[in-house]
Amino acid sequence: MALRSDLDRFYAVLDALETRVGGRHRLGDCHGRMPWPRRGVYFFFEPGEHRTAPSAPGRVVRVGTHALAARSRTTLWNRLCQHRGTKNPPGGNHRGSIFRLLAGEALINGHPCR
């Protein structure tokens, strides 16, 4: 089955990248002084989401790209920062990040306020 082998290869590449950069970075622990590339691709994992078995490493739940064109004025960190939101005070602009908008809608739909 081509899909299974493609997925296995994708996760093998992510595992190699994770080893190369010294492990996964948790977005909430990141900051702008880290050595971020100006543009790139990012992958979000969600605790509790697994590929085939609970013992398998996490499943990618979101893939994003940013500033892929060399002429882009913003940076990858700027985009990740929009997804992360502000730390103090906690918050952020849900209109600046479709990820934040969708996550907020999921929380509202799963736990309606009454």
PDB file of N, CA and C in Angstrom:
ATOM      1  N   MET A   1       0.844  -1.177   0.000  1.00  0.00           N
ATOM      2  CA  MET A   1       0.000   0.000   0.000  1.00  0.00           C
ATOM      3  C   MET A   1       0.885   1.234   0.000  1.00  0.00           C
ATOM      4  N   ALA A   2       0.790   2.058  -1.020  1.00  0.00           N
ATOM      5  CA  ALA A   2       1.670   3.213  -1.181  1.00  0.00           C
ATOM      6  C   ALA A   2       1.470   4.244  -0.073  1.00  0.00           C
ATOM      7  N   LEU A   3       0.231   4.456   0.358  1.00  0.00           N
ATOM      8  CA  LEU A   3      -0.037   5.447   1.388  1.00  0.00           C
ATOM      9  C   LEU A   3       0.700   5.108   2.675  1.00  0.00           C
ATOM     10  N   ARG A   4       0.663   3.865   3.107  1.00  0.00           N
ATOM     11  CA  ARG A   4       1.338   3.456   4.336  1.00  0.00           C
ATOM     12  C   ARG A   4       2.839   3.686   4.220  1.00  0.00           C
ATOM     13  N   SER A   5       3.438   3.281   3.108  1.00  0.00           N
ATOM     14  CA  SER A   5       4.888   3.458   2.959  1.00  0.00           C
ATOM     15  C   SER A   5       5.247   4.944   2.871  1.00  0.00           C
ATOM     16  N   ASP A   6       4.403   5.745   2.244  1.00  0.00           N
ATOM     17  CA  ASP A   6       4.652   7.192   2.185  1.00  0.00           C
ATOM     18  C   ASP A   6       4.583   7.801   3.581  1.00  0.00           C
ATOM     19  N   LEU A   7       3.589   7.399   4.368  1.00  0.00           N
ATOM     20  CA  LEU A   7       3.476   7.904   5.741  1.00  0.00           C
ATOM     21  C   LEU A   7       4.658   7.468   6.591  1.00  0.00           C
ATOM     22  N   ASP A   8       5.050   6.222   6.444  1.00  0.00           N
ATOM     23  CA  ASP A   8       6.211   5.731   7.196  1.00  0.00           C
ATOM     24  C   ASP A   8       7.465   6.522   6.835  1.00  0.00           C
ATOM     25  N   ARG A   9       7.637   6.802   5.559  1.00  0.00           N
ATOM     26  CA  ARG A   9       8.802   7.582   5.112  1.00  0.00           C
ATOM     27  C   ARG A   9       8.731   9.020   5.633  1.00  0.00           C
ATOM     28  N   PHE A  10       7.536   9.632   5.599  1.00  0.00           N
ATOM     29  CA  PHE A  10       7.331  10.988   6.118  1.00  0.00           C
ATOM     30  C   PHE A  10       7.730  11.059   7.590  1.00  0.00           C
ATOM     31  N   TYR A  11       7.224  10.122   8.393  1.00  0.00           N
ATOM     32  CA  TYR A  11       7.549  10.141   9.816  1.00  0.00           C
ATOM     33  C   TYR A  11       9.014   9.797  10.077  1.00  0.00           C
ATOM     34  N   ALA A  12       9.635   9.002   9.245  1.00  0.00           N
ATOM     35  CA  ALA A  12      11.064   8.723   9.381  1.00  0.00           C
ATOM     36  C   ALA A  12      11.879   9.991   9.137  1.00  0.00           C
ATOM     37  N   VAL A  13      11.471  10.783   8.157  1.00  0.00           N
ATOM     38  CA  VAL A  13      12.149  12.063   7.887  1.00  0.00           C
ATOM     39  C   VAL A  13      11.957  13.008   9.070  1.00  0.00           C
ATOM     40  N   LEU A  14      10.736  13.072   9.620  1.00  0.00           N
ATOM     41  CA  LEU A  14      10.500  13.922  10.797  1.00  0.00           C
ATOM     42  C   LEU A  14      11.329  13.453  11.988  1.00  0.00           C
ATOM     43  N   ASP A  15      11.431  12.144  12.183  1.00  0.00           N
ATOM     44  CA  ASP A  15      12.252  11.618  13.281  1.00  0.00           C
ATOM     45  C   ASP A  15      13.718  12.020  13.115  1.00  0.00           C
ATOM     46  N   ALA A  16      14.228  11.937  11.897  1.00  0.00           N
ATOM     47  CA  ALA A  16      15.619  12.333  11.636  1.00  0.00           C
ATOM     48  C   ALA A  16      15.803  13.828  11.891  1.00  0.00           C
ATOM     49  N   LEU A  17      14.845  14.630  11.467  1.00  0.00           N
ATOM     50  CA  LEU A  17      14.914  16.070  11.700  1.00  0.00           C
ATOM     51  C   LEU A  17      14.868  16.379  13.192  1.00  0.00           C
ATOM     52  N   GLU A  18      13.996  15.689  13.898  1.00  0.00           N
ATOM     53  CA  GLU A  18      13.885  15.886  15.345  1.00  0.00           C
ATOM     54  C   GLU A  18      15.218  15.595  16.036  1.00  0.00           C
ATOM     55  N   THR A  19      15.879  14.522  15.631  1.00  0.00           N
ATOM     56  CA  THR A  19      17.188  14.182  16.185  1.00  0.00           C
ATOM     57  C   THR A  19      18.205  15.274  15.851  1.00  0.00           C
ATOM     58  N   ARG A  20      18.158  15.759  14.638  1.00  0.00           N
ATOM     59  CA  ARG A  20      19.118  16.775  14.177  1.00  0.00           C
ATOM     60  C   ARG A  20      19.002  18.090  14.943  1.00  0.00           C
ATOM     61  N   VAL A  21      17.765  18.481  15.295  1.00  0.00           N
ATOM     62  CA  VAL A  21      17.573  19.769  15.969  1.00  0.00           C
ATOM     63  C   VAL A  21      17.510  19.636  17.485  1.00  0.00           C
ATOM     64  N   GLY A  22      17.720  18.416  17.994  1.00  0.00           N
ATOM     65  CA  GLY A  22      17.751  18.227  19.441  1.00  0.00           C
ATOM     66  C   GLY A  22      16.391  18.038  20.080  1.00  0.00           C
ATOM     67  N   GLY A  23      15.423  17.549  19.335  1.00  0.00           N
ATOM     68  CA  GLY A  23      14.102  17.270  19.884  1.00  0.00           C
ATOM     69  C   GLY A  23      13.056  18.250  19.393  1.00  0.00           C
ATOM     70  N   ARG A  24      11.825  17.928  19.711  1.00  0.00           N
ATOM     71  CA  ARG A  24      10.708  18.809  19.333  1.00  0.00           C
ATOM     72  C   ARG A  24      10.706  20.041  20.207  1.00  0.00           C
ATOM     73  N   HIS A  25      10.221  21.109  19.640  1.00  0.00           N
ATOM     74  CA  HIS A  25      10.051  22.341  20.396  1.00  0.00           C
ATOM     75  C   HIS A  25       8.576  22.498  20.726  1.00  0.00           C
ATOM     76  N   ARG A  26       8.253  22.781  21.961  1.00  0.00           N
ATOM     77  CA  ARG A  26       6.879  23.072  22.363  1.00  0.00           C
ATOM     78  C   ARG A  26       6.651  24.555  22.128  1.00  0.00           C
ATOM     79  N   LEU A  27       5.631  24.884  21.347  1.00  0.00           N
ATOM     80  CA  LEU A  27       5.418  26.274  20.931  1.00  0.00           C
ATOM     81  C   LEU A  27       5.333  27.215  22.122  1.00  0.00           C
ATOM     82  N   GLY A  28       4.700  26.785  23.188  1.00  0.00           N
ATOM     83  CA  GLY A  28       4.577  27.633  24.370  1.00  0.00           C
ATOM     84  C   GLY A  28       5.899  27.945  25.046  1.00  0.00           C
ATOM     85  N   ASP A  29       6.917  27.152  24.776  1.00  0.00           N
ATOM     86  CA  ASP A  29       8.239  27.360  25.375  1.00  0.00           C
ATOM     87  C   ASP A  29       9.197  28.098  24.449  1.00  0.00           C
ATOM     88  N   CYS A  30       8.742  28.415  23.249  1.00  0.00           N
ATOM     89  CA  CYS A  30       9.622  29.046  22.256  1.00  0.00           C
ATOM     90  C   CYS A  30       9.621  30.566  22.385  1.00  0.00           C
ATOM     91  N   HIS A  31      10.658  31.176  21.851  1.00  0.00           N
ATOM     92  CA  HIS A  31      10.761  32.636  21.844  1.00  0.00           C
ATOM     93  C   HIS A  31      11.526  33.084  20.605  1.00  0.00           C
ATOM     94  N   GLY A  32      11.471  34.347  20.337  1.00  0.00           N
ATOM     95  CA  GLY A  32      12.066  34.913  19.129  1.00  0.00           C
ATOM     96  C   GLY A  32      13.572  34.928  19.095  1.00  0.00           C
ATOM     97  N   ARG A  33      14.238  34.698  20.224  1.00  0.00           N
ATOM     98  CA  ARG A  33      15.701  34.696  20.237  1.00  0.00           C
ATOM     99  C   ARG A  33      16.294  33.346  19.876  1.00  0.00           C
ATOM    100  N   MET A  34      15.431  32.364  19.657  1.00  0.00           N
ATOM    101  CA  MET A  34      15.915  31.049  19.233  1.00  0.00           C
ATOM    102  C   MET A  34      16.362  31.148  17.777  1.00  0.00           C
ATOM    103  N   PRO A  35      17.217  30.251  17.332  1.00  0.00           N
ATOM    104  CA  PRO A  35      17.744  30.350  15.959  1.00  0.00           C
ATOM    105  C   PRO A  35      16.738  29.844  14.910  1.00  0.00           C
ATOM    106  N   TRP A  36      15.721  30.651  14.631  1.00  0.00           N
ATOM    107  CA  TRP A  36      14.697  30.282  13.659  1.00  0.00           C
ATOM    108  C   TRP A  36      15.150  30.599  12.241  1.00  0.00           C
ATOM    109  N   PRO A  37      14.826  29.738  11.294  1.00  0.00           N
ATOM    110  CA  PRO A  37      15.055  30.109   9.890  1.00  0.00           C
ATOM    111  C   PRO A  37      14.060  31.209   9.520  1.00  0.00           C
ATOM    112  N   ARG A  38      14.363  32.001   8.524  1.00  0.00           N
ATOM    113  CA  ARG A  38      13.450  33.087   8.135  1.00  0.00           C
ATOM    114  C   ARG A  38      12.156  32.550   7.546  1.00  0.00           C
ATOM    115  N   ARG A  39      12.214  31.420   6.861  1.00  0.00           N
ATOM    116  CA  ARG A  39      11.007  30.853   6.260  1.00  0.00           C
ATOM    117  C   ARG A  39      11.064  29.346   6.369  1.00  0.00           C
ATOM    118  N   GLY A  40       9.890  28.700   6.241  1.00  0.00           N
ATOM    119  CA  GLY A  40       9.922  27.256   6.343  1.00  0.00           C
ATOM    120  C   GLY A  40       8.571  26.600   6.507  1.00  0.00           C
ATOM    121  N   VAL A  41       8.633  25.357   6.914  1.00  0.00           N
ATOM    122  CA  VAL A  41       7.472  24.506   7.130  1.00  0.00           C
ATOM    123  C   VAL A  41       7.467  24.129   8.604  1.00  0.00           C
ATOM    124  N   TYR A  42       6.279  24.088   9.200  1.00  0.00           N
ATOM    125  CA  TYR A  42       6.191  23.674  10.598  1.00  0.00           C
ATOM    126  C   TYR A  42       5.114  22.602  10.750  1.00  0.00           C
ATOM    127  N   PHE A  43       5.280  21.774  11.780  1.00  0.00           N
ATOM    128  CA  PHE A  43       4.383  20.668  12.051  1.00  0.00           C
ATOM    129  C   PHE A  43       3.934  20.763  13.498  1.00  0.00           C
ATOM    130  N   PHE A  44       2.648  20.639  13.730  1.00  0.00           N
ATOM    131  CA  PHE A  44       2.112  20.630  15.092  1.00  0.00           C
ATOM    132  C   PHE A  44       1.713  19.201  15.441  1.00  0.00           C
ATOM    133  N   PHE A  45       2.050  18.812  16.659  1.00  0.00           N
ATOM    134  CA  PHE A  45       1.659  17.529  17.223  1.00  0.00           C
ATOM    135  C   PHE A  45       0.750  17.837  18.410  1.00  0.00           C
ATOM    136  N   GLU A  46      -0.156  16.948  18.709  1.00  0.00           N
ATOM    137  CA  GLU A  46      -1.061  17.129  19.839  1.00  0.00           C
ATOM    138  C   GLU A  46      -0.865  15.978  20.813  1.00  0.00           C
ATOM    139  N   PRO A  47      -0.614  16.271  22.095  1.00  0.00           N
ATOM    140  CA  PRO A  47      -0.499  15.189  23.070  1.00  0.00           C
ATOM    141  C   PRO A  47      -1.769  14.327  23.043  1.00  0.00           C
ATOM    142  N   GLY A  48      -1.584  13.037  23.099  1.00  0.00           N
ATOM    143  CA  GLY A  48      -2.725  12.129  23.083  1.00  0.00           C
ATOM    144  C   GLY A  48      -3.125  11.678  21.691  1.00  0.00           C
ATOM    145  N   GLU A  49      -2.607  12.313  20.658  1.00  0.00           N
ATOM    146  CA  GLU A  49      -2.876  11.901  19.281  1.00  0.00           C
ATOM    147  C   GLU A  49      -1.753  10.959  18.862  1.00  0.00           C
ATOM    148  N   HIS A  50      -2.123   9.752  18.451  1.00  0.00           N
ATOM    149  CA  HIS A  50      -1.132   8.745  18.096  1.00  0.00           C
ATOM    150  C   HIS A  50      -1.353   8.266  16.672  1.00  0.00           C
ATOM    151  N   ARG A  51      -0.307   7.731  16.078  1.00  0.00           N
ATOM    152  CA  ARG A  51      -0.407   7.226  14.701  1.00  0.00           C
ATOM    153  C   ARG A  51      -1.146   5.899  14.649  1.00  0.00           C
ATOM    154  N   THR A  52      -0.524   4.838  15.050  1.00  0.00           N
ATOM    155  CA  THR A  52      -1.159   3.531  14.945  1.00  0.00           C
ATOM    156  C   THR A  52      -1.364   2.881  16.296  1.00  0.00           C
ATOM    157  N   ALA A  53      -0.566   3.253  17.259  1.00  0.00           N
ATOM    158  CA  ALA A  53      -0.682   2.688  18.601  1.00  0.00           C
ATOM    159  C   ALA A  53      -0.247   3.748  19.606  1.00  0.00           C
ATOM    160  N   PRO A  54      -0.765   3.685  20.823  1.00  0.00           N
ATOM    161  CA  PRO A  54      -0.360   4.674  21.830  1.00  0.00           C
ATOM    162  C   PRO A  54       1.142   4.739  22.069  1.00  0.00           C
ATOM    163  N   SER A  55       1.871   3.669  21.753  1.00  0.00           N
ATOM    164  CA  SER A  55       3.327   3.679  21.955  1.00  0.00           C
ATOM    165  C   SER A  55       4.069   4.372  20.810  1.00  0.00           C
ATOM    166  N   ALA A  56       3.391   4.597  19.677  1.00  0.00           N
ATOM    167  CA  ALA A  56       4.030   5.264  18.535  1.00  0.00           C
ATOM    168  C   ALA A  56       4.196   6.748  18.846  1.00  0.00           C
ATOM    169  N   PRO A  57       5.262   7.374  18.317  1.00  0.00           N
ATOM    170  CA  PRO A  57       5.411   8.816  18.514  1.00  0.00           C
ATOM    171  C   PRO A  57       4.204   9.559  17.968  1.00  0.00           C
ATOM    172  N   GLY A  58       4.030  10.793  18.366  1.00  0.00           N
ATOM    173  CA  GLY A  58       2.850  11.581  18.036  1.00  0.00           C
ATOM    174  C   GLY A  58       2.490  11.671  16.564  1.00  0.00           C
ATOM    175  N   ARG A  59       1.246  12.023  16.345  1.00  0.00           N
ATOM    176  CA  ARG A  59       0.706  12.190  14.996  1.00  0.00           C
ATOM    177  C   ARG A  59       0.689  13.678  14.659  1.00  0.00           C
ATOM    178  N   VAL A  60       1.079  14.023  13.456  1.00  0.00           N
ATOM    179  CA  VAL A  60       1.019  15.410  12.987  1.00  0.00           C
ATOM    180  C   VAL A  60      -0.456  15.791  12.848  1.00  0.00           C
ATOM    181  N   VAL A  61      -0.841  16.897  13.489  1.00  0.00           N
ATOM    182  CA  VAL A  61      -2.231  17.338  13.410  1.00  0.00           C
ATOM    183  C   VAL A  61      -2.392  18.607  12.592  1.00  0.00           C
ATOM    184  N   ARG A  62      -1.284  19.287  12.301  1.00  0.00           N
ATOM    185  CA  ARG A  62      -1.341  20.488  11.466  1.00  0.00           C
ATOM    186  C   ARG A  62       0.010  20.687  10.801  1.00  0.00           C
ATOM    187  N   VAL A  63      -0.038  21.064   9.543  1.00  0.00           N
ATOM    188  CA  VAL A  63       1.158  21.414   8.782  1.00  0.00           C
ATOM    189  C   VAL A  63       0.956  22.828   8.273  1.00  0.00           C
ATOM    190  N   GLY A  64       1.961  23.633   8.423  1.00  0.00           N
ATOM    191  CA  GLY A  64       1.874  24.997   7.919  1.00  0.00           C
ATOM    192  C   GLY A  64       3.160  25.401   7.241  1.00  0.00           C
ATOM    193  N   THR A  65       3.057  26.389   6.391  1.00  0.00           N
ATOM    194  CA  THR A  65       4.228  26.964   5.735  1.00  0.00           C
ATOM    195  C   THR A  65       4.164  28.468   5.924  1.00  0.00           C
ATOM    196  N   HIS A  66       5.303  29.086   5.853  1.00  0.00           N
ATOM    197  CA  HIS A  66       5.294  30.537   5.922  1.00  0.00           C
ATOM    198  C   HIS A  66       6.520  31.117   5.257  1.00  0.00           C
ATOM    199  N   ALA A  67       6.285  32.224   4.601  1.00  0.00           N
ATOM    200  CA  ALA A  67       7.351  33.018   3.986  1.00  0.00           C
ATOM    201  C   ALA A  67       8.185  32.172   3.039  1.00  0.00           C
ATOM    202  N   LEU A  68       7.535  31.356   2.234  1.00  0.00           N
ATOM    203  CA  LEU A  68       8.283  30.496   1.318  1.00  0.00           C
ATOM    204  C   LEU A  68       8.938  31.284   0.184  1.00  0.00           C
ATOM    205  N   ALA A  69       8.364  32.418  -0.167  1.00  0.00           N
ATOM    206  CA  ALA A  69       8.964  33.264  -1.205  1.00  0.00           C
ATOM    207  C   ALA A  69      10.103  34.073  -0.590  1.00  0.00           C
ATOM    208  N   ALA A  70      11.193  34.162  -1.280  1.00  0.00           N
ATOM    209  CA  ALA A  70      12.365  34.881  -0.773  1.00  0.00           C
ATOM    210  C   ALA A  70      12.063  36.350  -0.507  1.00  0.00           C
ATOM    211  N   ARG A  71      11.100  36.910  -1.200  1.00  0.00           N
ATOM    212  CA  ARG A  71      10.785  38.340  -1.035  1.00  0.00           C
ATOM    213  C   ARG A  71       9.848  38.624   0.137  1.00  0.00           C
ATOM    214  N   SER A  72       9.412  37.592   0.850  1.00  0.00           N
ATOM    215  CA  SER A  72       8.491  37.766   1.960  1.00  0.00           C
ATOM    216  C   SER A  72       9.102  38.658   3.035  1.00  0.00           C
ATOM    217  N   ARG A  73       8.304  39.547   3.585  1.00  0.00           N
ATOM    218  CA  ARG A  73       8.794  40.486   4.597  1.00  0.00           C
ATOM    219  C   ARG A  73       8.662  39.949   6.018  1.00  0.00           C
ATOM    220  N   THR A  74       7.808  38.961   6.212  1.00  0.00           N
ATOM    221  CA  THR A  74       7.641  38.402   7.551  1.00  0.00           C
ATOM    222  C   THR A  74       8.496  37.147   7.692  1.00  0.00           C
ATOM    223  N   THR A  75       8.574  36.657   8.909  1.00  0.00           N
ATOM    224  CA  THR A  75       9.429  35.502   9.175  1.00  0.00           C
ATOM    225  C   THR A  75       8.601  34.326   9.703  1.00  0.00           C
ATOM    226  N   LEU A  76       9.213  33.174   9.706  1.00  0.00           N
ATOM    227  CA  LEU A  76       8.576  31.987  10.247  1.00  0.00           C
ATOM    228  C   LEU A  76       8.226  32.211  11.714  1.00  0.00           C
ATOM    229  N   TRP A  77       9.136  32.797  12.483  1.00  0.00           N
ATOM    230  CA  TRP A  77       8.852  33.033  13.893  1.00  0.00           C
ATOM    231  C   TRP A  77       7.649  33.960  14.053  1.00  0.00           C
ATOM    232  N   ASN A  78       7.517  34.982  13.226  1.00  0.00           N
ATOM    233  CA  ASN A  78       6.351  35.873  13.309  1.00  0.00           C
ATOM    234  C   ASN A  78       5.060  35.075  13.174  1.00  0.00           C
ATOM    235  N   ARG A  79       5.037  34.131  12.231  1.00  0.00           N
ATOM    236  CA  ARG A  79       3.837  33.332  12.012  1.00  0.00           C
ATOM    237  C   ARG A  79       3.578  32.401  13.186  1.00  0.00           C
ATOM    238  N   LEU A  80       4.616  31.748  13.691  1.00  0.00           N
ATOM    239  CA  LEU A  80       4.452  30.870  14.837  1.00  0.00           C
ATOM    240  C   LEU A  80       3.981  31.659  16.061  1.00  0.00           C
ATOM    241  N   CYS A  81       4.477  32.864  16.189  1.00  0.00           N
ATOM    242  CA  CYS A  81       4.081  33.730  17.297  1.00  0.00           C
ATOM    243  C   CYS A  81       2.590  34.071  17.208  1.00  0.00           C
ATOM    244  N   GLN A  82       2.085  34.275  15.995  1.00  0.00           N
ATOM    245  CA  GLN A  82       0.647  34.511  15.828  1.00  0.00           C
ATOM    246  C   GLN A  82      -0.147  33.296  16.289  1.00  0.00           C
ATOM    247  N   HIS A  83       0.330  32.095  15.968  1.00  0.00           N
ATOM    248  CA  HIS A  83      -0.358  30.880  16.400  1.00  0.00           C
ATOM    249  C   HIS A  83      -0.293  30.723  17.918  1.00  0.00           C
ATOM    250  N   ARG A  84       0.838  31.049  18.494  1.00  0.00           N
ATOM    251  CA  ARG A  84       1.028  30.876  19.935  1.00  0.00           C
ATOM    252  C   ARG A  84       0.177  31.858  20.724  1.00  0.00           C
ATOM    253  N   GLY A  85       0.090  33.082  20.245  1.00  0.00           N
ATOM    254  CA  GLY A  85      -0.615  34.113  21.002  1.00  0.00           C
ATOM    255  C   GLY A  85       0.311  34.750  22.019  1.00  0.00           C
ATOM    256  N   THR A  86      -0.253  35.605  22.846  1.00  0.00           N
ATOM    257  CA  THR A  86       0.545  36.307  23.849  1.00  0.00           C
ATOM    258  C   THR A  86       0.591  35.496  25.137  1.00  0.00           C
ATOM    259  N   LYS A  87       1.700  35.623  25.834  1.00  0.00           N
ATOM    260  CA  LYS A  87       1.863  34.867  27.075  1.00  0.00           C
ATOM    261  C   LYS A  87       1.442  35.681  28.287  1.00  0.00           C
ATOM    262  N   ASN A  88       1.695  36.986  28.246  1.00  0.00           N
ATOM    263  CA  ASN A  88       1.372  37.817  29.400  1.00  0.00           C
ATOM    264  C   ASN A  88       0.867  39.171  28.939  1.00  0.00           C
ATOM    265  N   PRO A  89      -0.412  39.423  28.957  1.00  0.00           N
ATOM    266  CA  PRO A  89      -1.480  38.540  29.431  1.00  0.00           C
ATOM    267  C   PRO A  89      -1.782  37.473  28.384  1.00  0.00           C
ATOM    268  N   PRO A  90      -2.314  36.319  28.840  1.00  0.00           N
ATOM    269  CA  PRO A  90      -2.663  35.255  27.889  1.00  0.00           C
ATOM    270  C   PRO A  90      -3.733  35.733  26.900  1.00  0.00           C
ATOM    271  N   GLY A  91      -3.546  35.424  25.647  1.00  0.00           N
ATOM    272  CA  GLY A  91      -4.529  35.836  24.644  1.00  0.00           C
ATOM    273  C   GLY A  91      -3.911  35.817  23.267  1.00  0.00           C
ATOM    274  N   GLY A  92      -4.549  36.497  22.376  1.00  0.00           N
ATOM    275  CA  GLY A  92      -4.057  36.561  21.017  1.00  0.00           C
ATOM    276  C   GLY A  92      -5.176  36.881  20.058  1.00  0.00           C
ATOM    277  N   ASN A  93      -4.820  37.117  18.825  1.00  0.00           N
ATOM    278  CA  ASN A  93      -5.775  37.505  17.799  1.00  0.00           C
ATOM    279  C   ASN A  93      -6.211  36.282  17.014  1.00  0.00           C
ATOM    280  N   HIS A  94      -7.445  35.827  17.228  1.00  0.00           N
ATOM    281  CA  HIS A  94      -7.921  34.654  16.499  1.00  0.00           C
ATOM    282  C   HIS A  94      -8.072  34.924  15.014  1.00  0.00           C
ATOM    283  N   ARG A  95      -8.133  36.182  14.622  1.00  0.00           N
ATOM    284  CA  ARG A  95      -8.239  36.512  13.197  1.00  0.00           C
ATOM    285  C   ARG A  95      -6.870  36.480  12.507  1.00  0.00           C
ATOM    286  N   GLY A  96      -5.808  36.518  13.292  1.00  0.00           N
ATOM    287  CA  GLY A  96      -4.466  36.472  12.731  1.00  0.00           C
ATOM    288  C   GLY A  96      -3.949  35.063  12.507  1.00  0.00           C
ATOM    289  N   SER A  97      -4.696  34.079  13.025  1.00  0.00           N
ATOM    290  CA  SER A  97      -4.254  32.687  12.925  1.00  0.00           C
ATOM    291  C   SER A  97      -5.469  31.789  12.751  1.00  0.00           C
ATOM    292  N   ILE A  98      -5.587  31.166  11.607  1.00  0.00           N
ATOM    293  CA  ILE A  98      -6.691  30.242  11.394  1.00  0.00           C
ATOM    294  C   ILE A  98      -6.589  29.085  12.378  1.00  0.00           C
ATOM    295  N   PHE A  99      -5.385  28.721  12.777  1.00  0.00           N
ATOM    296  CA  PHE A  99      -5.197  27.669  13.768  1.00  0.00           C
ATOM    297  C   PHE A  99      -5.875  28.054  15.081  1.00  0.00           C
ATOM    298  N   ARG A 100      -5.661  29.294  15.542  1.00  0.00           N
ATOM    299  CA  ARG A 100      -6.287  29.756  16.786  1.00  0.00           C
ATOM    300  C   ARG A 100      -7.802  29.797  16.642  1.00  0.00           C
ATOM    301  N   LEU A 101      -8.291  30.228  15.491  1.00  0.00           N
ATOM    302  CA  LEU A 101      -9.726  30.285  15.250  1.00  0.00           C
ATOM    303  C   LEU A 101     -10.342  28.890  15.330  1.00  0.00           C
ATOM    304  N   LEU A 102      -9.735  27.921  14.634  1.00  0.00           N
ATOM    305  CA  LEU A 102     -10.278  26.564  14.616  1.00  0.00           C
ATOM    306  C   LEU A 102     -10.172  25.895  15.994  1.00  0.00           C
ATOM    307  N   ALA A 103      -9.062  26.115  16.679  1.00  0.00           N
ATOM    308  CA  ALA A 103      -8.911  25.537  18.016  1.00  0.00           C
ATOM    309  C   ALA A 103      -9.952  26.136  18.966  1.00  0.00           C
ATOM    310  N   GLY A 104     -10.176  27.423  18.881  1.00  0.00           N
ATOM    311  CA  GLY A 104     -11.194  28.070  19.715  1.00  0.00           C
ATOM    312  C   GLY A 104     -12.589  27.549  19.421  1.00  0.00           C
ATOM    313  N   GLU A 105     -12.915  27.377  18.141  1.00  0.00           N
ATOM    314  CA  GLU A 105     -14.220  26.840  17.780  1.00  0.00           C
ATOM    315  C   GLU A 105     -14.393  25.421  18.305  1.00  0.00           C
ATOM    316  N   ALA A 106     -13.340  24.619  18.238  1.00  0.00           N
ATOM    317  CA  ALA A 106     -13.412  23.249  18.747  1.00  0.00           C
ATOM    318  C   ALA A 106     -13.657  23.246  20.241  1.00  0.00           C
ATOM    319  N   LEU A 107     -13.000  24.126  20.960  1.00  0.00           N
ATOM    320  CA  LEU A 107     -13.212  24.211  22.406  1.00  0.00           C
ATOM    321  C   LEU A 107     -14.634  24.656  22.738  1.00  0.00           C
ATOM    322  N   ILE A 108     -15.129  25.630  22.005  1.00  0.00           N
ATOM    323  CA  ILE A 108     -16.489  26.117  22.239  1.00  0.00           C
ATOM    324  C   ILE A 108     -17.505  25.020  21.926  1.00  0.00           C
ATOM    325  N   ASN A 109     -17.323  24.330  20.805  1.00  0.00           N
ATOM    326  CA  ASN A 109     -18.266  23.278  20.420  1.00  0.00           C
ATOM    327  C   ASN A 109     -18.208  22.083  21.348  1.00  0.00           C
ATOM    328  N   GLY A 110     -17.042  21.805  21.895  1.00  0.00           N
ATOM    329  CA  GLY A 110     -16.896  20.668  22.794  1.00  0.00           C
ATOM    330  C   GLY A 110     -17.328  20.963  24.221  1.00  0.00           C
ATOM    331  N   HIS A 111     -17.260  22.223  24.577  1.00  0.00           N
ATOM    332  CA  HIS A 111     -17.599  22.629  25.942  1.00  0.00           C
ATOM    333  C   HIS A 111     -18.420  23.916  25.883  1.00  0.00           C
ATOM    334  N   PRO A 112     -19.684  23.826  25.475  1.00  0.00           N
ATOM    335  CA  PRO A 112     -20.486  25.042  25.359  1.00  0.00           C
ATOM    336  C   PRO A 112     -20.662  25.737  26.703  1.00  0.00           C
ATOM    337  N   CYS A 113     -20.591  27.052  26.648  1.00  0.00           N
ATOM    338  CA  CYS A 113     -20.806  27.864  27.866  1.00  0.00           C
ATOM    339  C   CYS A 113     -22.312  28.043  28.054  1.00  0.00           C
ATOM    340  N   ARG A 114     -22.790  27.782  29.245  1.00  0.00           N
ATOM    341  CA  ARG A 114     -24.231  27.946  29.520  1.00  0.00           C
ATOM    342  C   ARG A 114     -24.439  28.629  30.822  1.00  0.00           C
TER     343      ARG A 114
END
